[in-house]
């Protein structure tokens, strides 16, 4: 166990085990805007503003509501290199 973690119970299930998350989106446009803002934050290294979700998690959430994005590495600009 990692430091600071105490095992309470150990009862592993037999495979296969299905892990799932269920969410219901009632305002698709607002969800898309919020998720894109979280993606921007994640790409800027501000994971706490992205709900601690990974880039993959965020892009998959967008795909589930009909928006497909591709994340490509950003080349640093002259201005960002000076900062």
C-alpha atoms as a PDB file:
ATOM      1  CA  UNK A   1       0.000   0.000   0.000  1.00  0.00           C
ATOM      2  CA  UNK A   2       1.192   3.540  -0.653  1.00  0.00           C
ATOM      3  CA  UNK A   3       2.283   5.589   2.329  1.00  0.00           C
ATOM      4  CA  UNK A   4      -0.737   7.033   4.126  1.00  0.00           C
ATOM      5  CA  UNK A   5      -3.133   4.385   2.769  1.00  0.00           C
ATOM      6  CA  UNK A   6      -4.626   1.734   5.024  1.00  0.00           C
ATOM      7  CA  UNK A   7      -6.199  -1.394   3.547  1.00  0.00           C
ATOM      8  CA  UNK A   8      -9.740  -1.785   4.887  1.00  0.00           C
ATOM      9  CA  UNK A   9     -10.888  -4.790   2.867  1.00  0.00           C
ATOM     10  CA  UNK A  10      -9.347  -7.036   0.188  1.00  0.00           C
ATOM     11  CA  UNK A  11     -11.871  -9.063  -1.764  1.00  0.00           C
ATOM     12  CA  UNK A  12     -10.962  -8.962  -5.487  1.00  0.00           C
ATOM     13  CA  UNK A  13     -13.775  -9.906  -7.879  1.00  0.00           C
ATOM     14  CA  UNK A  14     -13.463 -12.543 -10.566  1.00  0.00           C
ATOM     15  CA  UNK A  15     -12.758 -11.170 -14.037  1.00  0.00           C
ATOM     16  CA  UNK A  16     -14.097  -9.838 -16.230  1.00  0.00           C
ATOM     17  CA  UNK A  17     -15.123  -6.802 -14.214  1.00  0.00           C
ATOM     18  CA  UNK A  18     -16.999  -3.995 -15.988  1.00  0.00           C
ATOM     19  CA  UNK A  19     -16.249  -0.481 -14.781  1.00  0.00           C
ATOM     20  CA  UNK A  20     -18.703   2.174 -15.866  1.00  0.00           C
ATOM     21  CA  UNK A  21     -19.660   5.766 -15.238  1.00  0.00           C
ATOM     22  CA  UNK A  22     -23.129   6.957 -16.009  1.00  0.00           C
ATOM     23  CA  UNK A  23     -24.014  10.599 -16.587  1.00  0.00           C
ATOM     24  CA  UNK A  24     -27.056  12.253 -18.102  1.00  0.00           C
ATOM     25  CA  UNK A  25     -26.567  15.481 -20.056  1.00  0.00           C
ATOM     26  CA  UNK A  26     -29.651  17.708 -20.315  1.00  0.00           C
ATOM     27  CA  UNK A  27     -27.993  20.807 -21.777  1.00  0.00           C
ATOM     28  CA  UNK A  28     -25.657  19.536 -24.490  1.00  0.00           C
ATOM     29  CA  UNK A  29     -24.340  22.962 -25.553  1.00  0.00           C
ATOM     30  CA  UNK A  30     -23.461  23.940 -21.984  1.00  0.00           C
ATOM     31  CA  UNK A  31     -21.828  20.545 -21.439  1.00  0.00           C
ATOM     32  CA  UNK A  32     -19.730  20.981 -24.592  1.00  0.00           C
ATOM     33  CA  UNK A  33     -18.630  24.492 -23.567  1.00  0.00           C
ATOM     34  CA  UNK A  34     -17.739  23.388 -20.061  1.00  0.00           C
ATOM     35  CA  UNK A  35     -15.862  20.324 -21.267  1.00  0.00           C
ATOM     36  CA  UNK A  36     -13.879  22.360 -23.801  1.00  0.00           C
ATOM     37  CA  UNK A  37     -12.955  24.781 -21.000  1.00  0.00           C
ATOM     38  CA  UNK A  38     -11.831  21.804 -18.902  1.00  0.00           C
ATOM     39  CA  UNK A  39      -9.806  20.497 -21.848  1.00  0.00           C
ATOM     40  CA  UNK A  40      -8.104  23.888 -22.203  1.00  0.00           C
ATOM     41  CA  UNK A  41      -7.276  23.882 -18.483  1.00  0.00           C
ATOM     42  CA  UNK A  42      -5.920  20.339 -18.698  1.00  0.00           C
ATOM     43  CA  UNK A  43      -3.702  21.266 -21.634  1.00  0.00           C
ATOM     44  CA  UNK A  44      -2.398  24.230 -19.622  1.00  0.00           C
ATOM     45  CA  UNK A  45      -1.459  21.897 -16.758  1.00  0.00           C
ATOM     46  CA  UNK A  46      -4.298  23.062 -14.517  1.00  0.00           C
ATOM     47  CA  UNK A  47      -5.806  19.617 -13.946  1.00  0.00           C
ATOM     48  CA  UNK A  48      -7.765  20.738 -10.892  1.00  0.00           C
ATOM     49  CA  UNK A  49      -9.771  23.039 -13.184  1.00  0.00           C
ATOM     50  CA  UNK A  50     -10.441  20.056 -15.442  1.00  0.00           C
ATOM     51  CA  UNK A  51     -12.056  18.049 -12.660  1.00  0.00           C
ATOM     52  CA  UNK A  52      -8.801  16.076 -12.489  1.00  0.00           C
ATOM     53  CA  UNK A  53      -9.805  14.361 -15.719  1.00  0.00           C
ATOM     54  CA  UNK A  54      -7.224  13.378 -18.314  1.00  0.00           C
ATOM     55  CA  UNK A  55      -7.161  14.663 -21.875  1.00  0.00           C
ATOM     56  CA  UNK A  56      -8.404  11.263 -22.999  1.00  0.00           C
ATOM     57  CA  UNK A  57     -11.309  11.354 -20.524  1.00  0.00           C
ATOM     58  CA  UNK A  58     -12.346  14.797 -21.741  1.00  0.00           C
ATOM     59  CA  UNK A  59     -12.131  13.966 -25.427  1.00  0.00           C
ATOM     60  CA  UNK A  60     -14.158  10.791 -24.854  1.00  0.00           C
ATOM     61  CA  UNK A  61     -16.824  12.781 -22.995  1.00  0.00           C
ATOM     62  CA  UNK A  62     -17.042  15.155 -25.958  1.00  0.00           C
ATOM     63  CA  UNK A  63     -17.353  12.250 -28.389  1.00  0.00           C
ATOM     64  CA  UNK A  64     -20.283  10.885 -26.408  1.00  0.00           C
ATOM     65  CA  UNK A  65     -22.245  14.075 -27.119  1.00  0.00           C
ATOM     66  CA  UNK A  66     -21.261  14.229 -30.780  1.00  0.00           C
ATOM     67  CA  UNK A  67     -18.118  16.386 -30.777  1.00  0.00           C
ATOM     68  CA  UNK A  68     -14.872  14.848 -31.986  1.00  0.00           C
ATOM     69  CA  UNK A  69     -11.641  16.728 -31.371  1.00  0.00           C
ATOM     70  CA  UNK A  70      -8.008  15.946 -32.011  1.00  0.00           C
ATOM     71  CA  UNK A  71      -5.380  17.144 -29.570  1.00  0.00           C
ATOM     72  CA  UNK A  72      -2.070  17.951 -31.226  1.00  0.00           C
ATOM     73  CA  UNK A  73       1.125  19.206 -29.603  1.00  0.00           C
ATOM     74  CA  UNK A  74       1.364  22.978 -29.664  1.00  0.00           C
ATOM     75  CA  UNK A  75       4.602  24.470 -30.936  1.00  0.00           C
ATOM     76  CA  UNK A  76       5.866  27.198 -28.630  1.00  0.00           C
ATOM     77  CA  UNK A  77       5.661  30.680 -30.090  1.00  0.00           C
ATOM     78  CA  UNK A  78       8.342  33.332 -29.757  1.00  0.00           C
ATOM     79  CA  UNK A  79       6.171  35.164 -27.229  1.00  0.00           C
ATOM     80  CA  UNK A  80       5.672  32.076 -25.024  1.00  0.00           C
ATOM     81  CA  UNK A  81       9.408  31.305 -25.137  1.00  0.00           C
ATOM     82  CA  UNK A  82      10.149  34.766 -23.729  1.00  0.00           C
ATOM     83  CA  UNK A  83       7.846  34.175 -20.728  1.00  0.00           C
END
